[in-house]
């Protein structure tokens, strides 16, 4: 009877002498720890960095690129990308506001509360302006979640109850970054010796239906500054000097804070 092929193959395999397995671990470790003796790669890397830096420096001589880099403005969480400045006809003052009722918008905003309840949710004392002298507490208050908290305080016009006189936002660090691209009016100024921006533009609001809309509550300008990691946004139809006076009155006295 013929021996099965499988049995014969196994017998031959037992008689075959395999060469010993070479030890490659030591050789690999020696290569990994060996010092670099060829500096050519390092010189090429350094040369590439020099070329890249030269290209970046050259780009700074291109007016559009230089303007985009140098004119970027960051105030708290607000990033502002201004339009090119026209030196022949600068516009610095507030344009005449267009009267229109923004009260219906207030009814659509989410998070309405009271100033006292809002203070329970916010760790810092809520500052209130003491100017104008006859200014009472805000008529409407909204506290929204924007990644961090965003407090919106609204004062109505006593002479025209369907008009918003002023609104003030306090926005916690870590909230949404608000980008303003080429605002129509922009001027750098200061509030309590802190950098501030006088501009116009919409901002995000969370509505009752959970949508996010970009709007503004008053037909006027906005003063933006940051203090103690809180971004402040004051909307008013007053001129810049009056807006700064209102802003600086926030911290004029400890008595004007809700605790």
C-alpha atoms as a PDB file:
ATOM      1  CA  UNK A   1       0.000   0.000   0.000  1.00  0.00           C
ATOM      2  CA  UNK A   2       1.364   3.376  -0.972  1.00  0.00           C
ATOM      3  CA  UNK A   3       2.351   5.669   1.933  1.00  0.00           C
ATOM      4  CA  UNK A   4       0.066   8.716   2.102  1.00  0.00           C
ATOM      5  CA  UNK A   5       1.570  11.916   0.758  1.00  0.00           C
ATOM      6  CA  UNK A   6       0.948  13.853   3.981  1.00  0.00           C
ATOM      7  CA  UNK A   7       2.888  11.342   6.090  1.00  0.00           C
ATOM      8  CA  UNK A   8       5.837  11.391   3.690  1.00  0.00           C
ATOM      9  CA  UNK A   9       5.906  15.208   3.712  1.00  0.00           C
ATOM     10  CA  UNK A  10       5.982  15.304   7.500  1.00  0.00           C
ATOM     11  CA  UNK A  11       8.879  12.860   7.572  1.00  0.00           C
ATOM     12  CA  UNK A  12      10.884  14.956   5.138  1.00  0.00           C
ATOM     13  CA  UNK A  13      10.222  18.106   7.173  1.00  0.00           C
ATOM     14  CA  UNK A  14      11.692  16.460  10.274  1.00  0.00           C
ATOM     15  CA  UNK A  15      14.884  15.650   8.424  1.00  0.00           C
ATOM     16  CA  UNK A  16      15.287  19.233   7.021  1.00  0.00           C
ATOM     17  CA  UNK A  17      17.650  21.434   9.037  1.00  0.00           C
ATOM     18  CA  UNK A  18      16.501  25.079   9.215  1.00  0.00           C
ATOM     19  CA  UNK A  19      19.101  27.844   9.645  1.00  0.00           C
ATOM     20  CA  UNK A  20      19.129  29.550  13.048  1.00  0.00           C
ATOM     21  CA  UNK A  21      17.035  32.735  13.378  1.00  0.00           C
ATOM     22  CA  UNK A  22      19.323  35.785  13.423  1.00  0.00           C
ATOM     23  CA  UNK A  23      19.090  38.142  16.447  1.00  0.00           C
ATOM     24  CA  UNK A  24      17.965  41.487  14.986  1.00  0.00           C
ATOM     25  CA  UNK A  25      16.709  43.186  18.183  1.00  0.00           C
ATOM     26  CA  UNK A  26      20.188  44.354  19.232  1.00  0.00           C
ATOM     27  CA  UNK A  27      20.946  45.683  15.765  1.00  0.00           C
ATOM     28  CA  UNK A  28      17.715  47.662  15.630  1.00  0.00           C
ATOM     29  CA  UNK A  29      18.261  49.198  19.086  1.00  0.00           C
ATOM     30  CA  UNK A  30      21.807  50.167  18.120  1.00  0.00           C
ATOM     31  CA  UNK A  31      20.480  51.977  15.031  1.00  0.00           C
ATOM     32  CA  UNK A  32      17.815  53.827  17.049  1.00  0.00           C
ATOM     33  CA  UNK A  33      20.315  55.088  19.598  1.00  0.00           C
ATOM     34  CA  UNK A  34      23.078  55.880  17.167  1.00  0.00           C
ATOM     35  CA  UNK A  35      23.944  59.623  16.920  1.00  0.00           C
ATOM     36  CA  UNK A  36      23.034  61.443  13.730  1.00  0.00           C
ATOM     37  CA  UNK A  37      26.261  61.783  11.823  1.00  0.00           C
ATOM     38  CA  UNK A  38      24.787  63.363   8.693  1.00  0.00           C
ATOM     39  CA  UNK A  39      23.735  66.988   9.324  1.00  0.00           C
ATOM     40  CA  UNK A  40      22.360  67.410   5.842  1.00  0.00           C
ATOM     41  CA  UNK A  41      18.750  66.793   6.927  1.00  0.00           C
ATOM     42  CA  UNK A  42      18.992  69.389   9.705  1.00  0.00           C
ATOM     43  CA  UNK A  43      20.401  71.991   7.324  1.00  0.00           C
ATOM     44  CA  UNK A  44      17.588  71.324   4.865  1.00  0.00           C
ATOM     45  CA  UNK A  45      14.973  71.740   7.600  1.00  0.00           C
ATOM     46  CA  UNK A  46      16.497  75.017   8.756  1.00  0.00           C
ATOM     47  CA  UNK A  47      16.689  76.255   5.158  1.00  0.00           C
ATOM     48  CA  UNK A  48      12.990  75.457   4.657  1.00  0.00           C
ATOM     49  CA  UNK A  49      12.063  77.495   7.767  1.00  0.00           C
ATOM     50  CA  UNK A  50      14.111  80.464   6.548  1.00  0.00           C
ATOM     51  CA  UNK A  51      12.338  80.386   3.183  1.00  0.00           C
ATOM     52  CA  UNK A  52       8.924  80.161   4.885  1.00  0.00           C
ATOM     53  CA  UNK A  53       9.670  83.114   7.176  1.00  0.00           C
ATOM     54  CA  UNK A  54      10.906  85.138   4.206  1.00  0.00           C
ATOM     55  CA  UNK A  55       7.667  84.431   2.331  1.00  0.00           C
ATOM     56  CA  UNK A  56       5.561  85.473   5.329  1.00  0.00           C
ATOM     57  CA  UNK A  57       7.574  88.658   5.734  1.00  0.00           C
ATOM     58  CA  UNK A  58       7.108  89.394   2.045  1.00  0.00           C
ATOM     59  CA  UNK A  59       3.358  88.974   2.321  1.00  0.00           C
ATOM     60  CA  UNK A  60       3.279  91.742   4.922  1.00  0.00           C
ATOM     61  CA  UNK A  61       4.271  94.156   2.160  1.00  0.00           C
ATOM     62  CA  UNK A  62       1.079  93.288   0.251  1.00  0.00           C
ATOM     63  CA  UNK A  63      -1.482  95.927   1.366  1.00  0.00           C
ATOM     64  CA  UNK A  64      -4.562  93.648   1.569  1.00  0.00           C
ATOM     65  CA  UNK A  65      -2.685  91.037   3.584  1.00  0.00           C
ATOM     66  CA  UNK A  66      -1.100  93.604   5.863  1.00  0.00           C
ATOM     67  CA  UNK A  67      -4.484  95.248   6.472  1.00  0.00           C
ATOM     68  CA  UNK A  68      -6.141  91.934   7.315  1.00  0.00           C
ATOM     69  CA  UNK A  69      -3.458  91.138   9.882  1.00  0.00           C
ATOM     70  CA  UNK A  70      -2.966  94.541  11.452  1.00  0.00           C
ATOM     71  CA  UNK A  71      -6.605  95.629  11.568  1.00  0.00           C
ATOM     72  CA  UNK A  72      -7.950  92.544  13.290  1.00  0.00           C
ATOM     73  CA  UNK A  73      -9.505  93.706  16.574  1.00  0.00           C
ATOM     74  CA  UNK A  74     -10.355  91.499  19.543  1.00  0.00           C
ATOM     75  CA  UNK A  75     -12.447  92.873  22.427  1.00  0.00           C
ATOM     76  CA  UNK A  76     -13.343  90.112  24.867  1.00  0.00           C
ATOM     77  CA  UNK A  77     -15.261  87.483  22.927  1.00  0.00           C
ATOM     78  CA  UNK A  78     -15.947  89.876  20.045  1.00  0.00           C
ATOM     79  CA  UNK A  79     -13.777  89.649  16.933  1.00  0.00           C
ATOM     80  CA  UNK A  80     -14.010  92.651  14.595  1.00  0.00           C
ATOM     81  CA  UNK A  81     -12.777  92.692  11.005  1.00  0.00           C
ATOM     82  CA  UNK A  82     -13.089  96.328   9.923  1.00  0.00           C
ATOM     83  CA  UNK A  83     -13.579  97.562   6.406  1.00  0.00           C
ATOM     84  CA  UNK A  84     -10.688  99.405   4.754  1.00  0.00           C
ATOM     85  CA  UNK A  85     -10.352 102.883   6.238  1.00  0.00           C
ATOM     86  CA  UNK A  86     -11.115 105.710   3.835  1.00  0.00           C
ATOM     87  CA  UNK A  87      -9.017 108.605   5.061  1.00  0.00           C
ATOM     88  CA  UNK A  88     -10.687 111.191   2.835  1.00  0.00           C
ATOM     89  CA  UNK A  89     -14.142 110.868   4.405  1.00  0.00           C
ATOM     90  CA  UNK A  90     -13.901 109.300   7.878  1.00  0.00           C
ATOM     91  CA  UNK A  91     -17.194 108.628   9.657  1.00  0.00           C
ATOM     92  CA  UNK A  92     -16.965 108.687  13.418  1.00  0.00           C
ATOM     93  CA  UNK A  93     -20.273 109.960  14.723  1.00  0.00           C
ATOM     94  CA  UNK A  94     -23.632 108.307  15.203  1.00  0.00           C
ATOM     95  CA  UNK A  95     -25.978 108.499  12.209  1.00  0.00           C
ATOM     96  CA  UNK A  96     -29.554 109.580  12.750  1.00  0.00           C
ATOM     97  CA  UNK A  97     -31.445 106.489  13.984  1.00  0.00           C
ATOM     98  CA  UNK A  98     -34.423 105.224  12.061  1.00  0.00           C
ATOM     99  CA  UNK A  99     -37.346 104.993  14.516  1.00  0.00           C
ATOM    100  CA  UNK A 100     -39.128 101.686  14.509  1.00  0.00           C
ATOM    101  CA  UNK A 101     -40.735  99.583  17.184  1.00  0.00           C
ATOM    102  CA  UNK A 102     -38.523  96.726  18.330  1.00  0.00           C
ATOM    103  CA  UNK A 103     -40.834  95.712  21.185  1.00  0.00           C
ATOM    104  CA  UNK A 104     -42.259  92.702  19.264  1.00  0.00           C
ATOM    105  CA  UNK A 105     -38.731  91.299  19.115  1.00  0.00           C
ATOM    106  CA  UNK A 106     -38.506  91.348  22.907  1.00  0.00           C
ATOM    107  CA  UNK A 107     -41.503  89.030  23.135  1.00  0.00           C
ATOM    108  CA  UNK A 108     -39.648  86.432  21.065  1.00  0.00           C
ATOM    109  CA  UNK A 109     -36.432  86.354  23.092  1.00  0.00           C
ATOM    110  CA  UNK A 110     -35.818  83.336  25.312  1.00  0.00           C
ATOM    111  CA  UNK A 111     -34.758  83.392  28.953  1.00  0.00           C
ATOM    112  CA  UNK A 112     -36.776  86.292  30.381  1.00  0.00           C
ATOM    113  CA  UNK A 113     -36.252  86.659  34.107  1.00  0.00           C
ATOM    114  CA  UNK A 114     -35.877  89.314  36.794  1.00  0.00           C
ATOM    115  CA  UNK A 115     -32.716  91.109  37.787  1.00  0.00           C
ATOM    116  CA  UNK A 116     -32.887  89.466  41.231  1.00  0.00           C
ATOM    117  CA  UNK A 117     -33.270  85.942  39.849  1.00  0.00           C
ATOM    118  CA  UNK A 118     -30.503  86.575  37.328  1.00  0.00           C
ATOM    119  CA  UNK A 119     -28.183  87.561  40.166  1.00  0.00           C
ATOM    120  CA  UNK A 120     -28.807  84.177  41.780  1.00  0.00           C
ATOM    121  CA  UNK A 121     -27.415  82.524  38.649  1.00  0.00           C
ATOM    122  CA  UNK A 122     -24.442  84.852  38.115  1.00  0.00           C
ATOM    123  CA  UNK A 123     -21.484  84.793  40.463  1.00  0.00           C
ATOM    124  CA  UNK A 124     -20.382  88.401  39.944  1.00  0.00           C
ATOM    125  CA  UNK A 125     -22.424  91.389  41.163  1.00  0.00           C
ATOM    126  CA  UNK A 126     -24.517  92.725  38.272  1.00  0.00           C
ATOM    127  CA  UNK A 127     -23.517  96.369  37.727  1.00  0.00           C
ATOM    128  CA  UNK A 128     -26.191  98.887  36.806  1.00  0.00           C
ATOM    129  CA  UNK A 129     -25.529 102.303  35.256  1.00  0.00           C
ATOM    130  CA  UNK A 130     -26.010 105.382  37.430  1.00  0.00           C
ATOM    131  CA  UNK A 131     -26.121 107.691  34.416  1.00  0.00           C
ATOM    132  CA  UNK A 132     -28.439 109.241  33.374  1.00  0.00           C
ATOM    133  CA  UNK A 133     -29.335 110.100  36.998  1.00  0.00           C
ATOM    134  CA  UNK A 134     -33.025 109.330  36.497  1.00  0.00           C
ATOM    135  CA  UNK A 135     -32.365 105.869  35.041  1.00  0.00           C
ATOM    136  CA  UNK A 136     -34.256 103.143  36.903  1.00  0.00           C
ATOM    137  CA  UNK A 137     -33.628  99.407  36.903  1.00  0.00           C
ATOM    138  CA  UNK A 138     -34.032  97.653  33.526  1.00  0.00           C
ATOM    139  CA  UNK A 139     -37.587  97.056  32.301  1.00  0.00           C
ATOM    140  CA  UNK A 140     -36.800  93.666  30.741  1.00  0.00           C
ATOM    141  CA  UNK A 141     -34.093  91.165  31.689  1.00  0.00           C
ATOM    142  CA  UNK A 142     -33.032  88.030  29.800  1.00  0.00           C
ATOM    143  CA  UNK A 143     -30.471  85.401  30.827  1.00  0.00           C
ATOM    144  CA  UNK A 144     -29.355  83.086  28.049  1.00  0.00           C
ATOM    145  CA  UNK A 145     -26.979  80.171  27.660  1.00  0.00           C
ATOM    146  CA  UNK A 146     -24.446  81.024  24.972  1.00  0.00           C
ATOM    147  CA  UNK A 147     -21.753  78.525  25.879  1.00  0.00           C
ATOM    148  CA  UNK A 148     -21.420  80.688  28.977  1.00  0.00           C
ATOM    149  CA  UNK A 149     -24.092  82.989  30.355  1.00  0.00           C
ATOM    150  CA  UNK A 150     -25.225  86.109  28.498  1.00  0.00           C
ATOM    151  CA  UNK A 151     -27.253  88.681  30.430  1.00  0.00           C
ATOM    152  CA  UNK A 152     -29.368  91.165  28.451  1.00  0.00           C
ATOM    153  CA  UNK A 153     -30.857  94.173  30.213  1.00  0.00           C
ATOM    154  CA  UNK A 154     -33.271  96.457  28.364  1.00  0.00           C
ATOM    155  CA  UNK A 155     -34.535  99.927  29.268  1.00  0.00           C
ATOM    156  CA  UNK A 156     -37.639 101.255  27.514  1.00  0.00           C
ATOM    157  CA  UNK A 157     -38.146 104.901  26.574  1.00  0.00           C
ATOM    158  CA  UNK A 158     -40.523 106.495  29.085  1.00  0.00           C
ATOM    159  CA  UNK A 159     -41.668 109.040  26.514  1.00  0.00           C
ATOM    160  CA  UNK A 160     -42.163 106.368  23.831  1.00  0.00           C
ATOM    161  CA  UNK A 161     -42.929 103.067  25.565  1.00  0.00           C
ATOM    162  CA  UNK A 162     -42.824 101.198  22.258  1.00  0.00           C
ATOM    163  CA  UNK A 163     -39.170 102.170  21.803  1.00  0.00           C
ATOM    164  CA  UNK A 164     -36.043 100.708  23.382  1.00  0.00           C
ATOM    165  CA  UNK A 165     -33.961 103.421  25.012  1.00  0.00           C
ATOM    166  CA  UNK A 166     -30.902 101.334  25.776  1.00  0.00           C
ATOM    167  CA  UNK A 167     -29.737  97.754  26.140  1.00  0.00           C
ATOM    168  CA  UNK A 168     -26.736  96.376  27.977  1.00  0.00           C
ATOM    169  CA  UNK A 169     -25.241  92.917  27.555  1.00  0.00           C
ATOM    170  CA  UNK A 170     -22.860  91.176  29.925  1.00  0.00           C
ATOM    171  CA  UNK A 171     -21.270  88.171  28.240  1.00  0.00           C
ATOM    172  CA  UNK A 172     -19.195  85.643  30.143  1.00  0.00           C
ATOM    173  CA  UNK A 173     -15.798  84.536  28.901  1.00  0.00           C
ATOM    174  CA  UNK A 174     -16.129  81.294  26.961  1.00  0.00           C
ATOM    175  CA  UNK A 175     -19.407  82.253  25.297  1.00  0.00           C
ATOM    176  CA  UNK A 176     -19.858  82.315  21.563  1.00  0.00           C
ATOM    177  CA  UNK A 177     -17.344  84.454  19.739  1.00  0.00           C
ATOM    178  CA  UNK A 178     -19.170  87.243  17.921  1.00  0.00           C
ATOM    179  CA  UNK A 179     -17.577  88.121  14.603  1.00  0.00           C
ATOM    180  CA  UNK A 180     -18.292  91.493  13.047  1.00  0.00           C
ATOM    181  CA  UNK A 181     -17.179  91.723   9.443  1.00  0.00           C
ATOM    182  CA  UNK A 182     -16.672  95.206   8.017  1.00  0.00           C
ATOM    183  CA  UNK A 183     -18.984  97.153  10.332  1.00  0.00           C
ATOM    184  CA  UNK A 184     -20.366 100.346   8.831  1.00  0.00           C
ATOM    185  CA  UNK A 185     -18.981 102.597  11.560  1.00  0.00           C
ATOM    186  CA  UNK A 186     -15.976 101.864  13.710  1.00  0.00           C
ATOM    187  CA  UNK A 187     -13.850 103.914  16.057  1.00  0.00           C
ATOM    188  CA  UNK A 188     -11.409 102.894  18.763  1.00  0.00           C
ATOM    189  CA  UNK A 189     -11.943 104.558  22.123  1.00  0.00           C
ATOM    190  CA  UNK A 190     -11.684 103.627  25.807  1.00  0.00           C
ATOM    191  CA  UNK A 191     -13.847 102.936  28.851  1.00  0.00           C
ATOM    192  CA  UNK A 192     -12.130 103.389  32.214  1.00  0.00           C
ATOM    193  CA  UNK A 193      -8.803 103.386  30.312  1.00  0.00           C
ATOM    194  CA  UNK A 194      -9.686 100.002  28.786  1.00  0.00           C
ATOM    195  CA  UNK A 195      -9.728  99.511  25.037  1.00  0.00           C
ATOM    196  CA  UNK A 196     -13.210  99.849  23.543  1.00  0.00           C
ATOM    197  CA  UNK A 197     -14.840  99.857  20.115  1.00  0.00           C
ATOM    198  CA  UNK A 198     -17.683 102.081  18.873  1.00  0.00           C
ATOM    199  CA  UNK A 199     -19.457 100.325  16.031  1.00  0.00           C
ATOM    200  CA  UNK A 200     -22.769  98.953  14.749  1.00  0.00           C
ATOM    201  CA  UNK A 201     -24.061  95.528  13.931  1.00  0.00           C
ATOM    202  CA  UNK A 202     -26.234  92.603  14.896  1.00  0.00           C
ATOM    203  CA  UNK A 203     -25.466  89.925  17.479  1.00  0.00           C
ATOM    204  CA  UNK A 204     -26.870  86.446  18.222  1.00  0.00           C
ATOM    205  CA  UNK A 205     -30.038  86.069  20.270  1.00  0.00           C
ATOM    206  CA  UNK A 206     -31.665  82.809  21.351  1.00  0.00           C
ATOM    207  CA  UNK A 207     -35.374  82.956  20.561  1.00  0.00           C
ATOM    208  CA  UNK A 208     -38.243  81.173  22.327  1.00  0.00           C
ATOM    209  CA  UNK A 209     -38.462  78.611  19.524  1.00  0.00           C
ATOM    210  CA  UNK A 210     -34.756  77.739  20.149  1.00  0.00           C
ATOM    211  CA  UNK A 211     -33.665  79.401  16.912  1.00  0.00           C
ATOM    212  CA  UNK A 212     -30.676  81.718  16.938  1.00  0.00           C
ATOM    213  CA  UNK A 213     -31.248  85.028  15.207  1.00  0.00           C
ATOM    214  CA  UNK A 214     -28.848  87.877  14.593  1.00  0.00           C
ATOM    215  CA  UNK A 215     -30.513  91.151  15.506  1.00  0.00           C
ATOM    216  CA  UNK A 216     -30.149  94.319  17.534  1.00  0.00           C
ATOM    217  CA  UNK A 217     -32.574  95.866  19.957  1.00  0.00           C
ATOM    218  CA  UNK A 218     -32.074  99.521  19.146  1.00  0.00           C
ATOM    219  CA  UNK A 219     -31.504 101.613  16.037  1.00  0.00           C
ATOM    220  CA  UNK A 220     -28.214 103.109  17.124  1.00  0.00           C
ATOM    221  CA  UNK A 221     -24.594 102.302  17.779  1.00  0.00           C
ATOM    222  CA  UNK A 222     -22.884  99.902  20.158  1.00  0.00           C
ATOM    223  CA  UNK A 223     -19.989 100.376  22.555  1.00  0.00           C
ATOM    224  CA  UNK A 224     -18.001  97.188  23.246  1.00  0.00           C
ATOM    225  CA  UNK A 225     -15.345  96.682  25.901  1.00  0.00           C
ATOM    226  CA  UNK A 226     -14.039  94.008  28.271  1.00  0.00           C
ATOM    227  CA  UNK A 227     -13.416  94.222  31.983  1.00  0.00           C
ATOM    228  CA  UNK A 228     -12.499  91.383  34.356  1.00  0.00           C
ATOM    229  CA  UNK A 229     -13.096  88.764  31.642  1.00  0.00           C
ATOM    230  CA  UNK A 230     -16.660  89.983  31.018  1.00  0.00           C
ATOM    231  CA  UNK A 231     -17.503  91.473  27.636  1.00  0.00           C
ATOM    232  CA  UNK A 232     -19.856  94.459  27.807  1.00  0.00           C
ATOM    233  CA  UNK A 233     -22.023  95.571  24.926  1.00  0.00           C
ATOM    234  CA  UNK A 234     -23.958  98.839  25.316  1.00  0.00           C
ATOM    235  CA  UNK A 235     -26.527  99.720  22.640  1.00  0.00           C
ATOM    236  CA  UNK A 236     -27.858 103.264  22.515  1.00  0.00           C
ATOM    237  CA  UNK A 237     -28.931 105.969  20.091  1.00  0.00           C
ATOM    238  CA  UNK A 238     -26.902 108.520  22.054  1.00  0.00           C
ATOM    239  CA  UNK A 239     -23.567 109.842  20.839  1.00  0.00           C
ATOM    240  CA  UNK A 240     -20.207 108.316  21.752  1.00  0.00           C
ATOM    241  CA  UNK A 241     -19.439 110.703  24.627  1.00  0.00           C
ATOM    242  CA  UNK A 242     -22.757 109.907  26.325  1.00  0.00           C
ATOM    243  CA  UNK A 243     -22.318 106.170  25.745  1.00  0.00           C
ATOM    244  CA  UNK A 244     -18.887 106.261  27.409  1.00  0.00           C
ATOM    245  CA  UNK A 245     -20.351 108.163  30.332  1.00  0.00           C
ATOM    246  CA  UNK A 246     -23.027 105.489  30.794  1.00  0.00           C
ATOM    247  CA  UNK A 247     -20.424 102.722  30.531  1.00  0.00           C
ATOM    248  CA  UNK A 248     -18.099 104.291  33.077  1.00  0.00           C
ATOM    249  CA  UNK A 249     -20.982 104.850  35.496  1.00  0.00           C
ATOM    250  CA  UNK A 250     -21.367 101.070  35.836  1.00  0.00           C
ATOM    251  CA  UNK A 251     -18.440 100.917  38.248  1.00  0.00           C
ATOM    252  CA  UNK A 252     -18.638 104.414  39.679  1.00  0.00           C
ATOM    253  CA  UNK A 253     -20.139 103.119  42.922  1.00  0.00           C
ATOM    254  CA  UNK A 254     -20.623  99.770  44.615  1.00  0.00           C
ATOM    255  CA  UNK A 255     -24.173 100.823  45.446  1.00  0.00           C
ATOM    256  CA  UNK A 256     -25.324 100.457  41.860  1.00  0.00           C
ATOM    257  CA  UNK A 257     -24.746  96.671  41.762  1.00  0.00           C
ATOM    258  CA  UNK A 258     -27.405  94.032  42.325  1.00  0.00           C
ATOM    259  CA  UNK A 259     -26.277  91.595  45.009  1.00  0.00           C
END
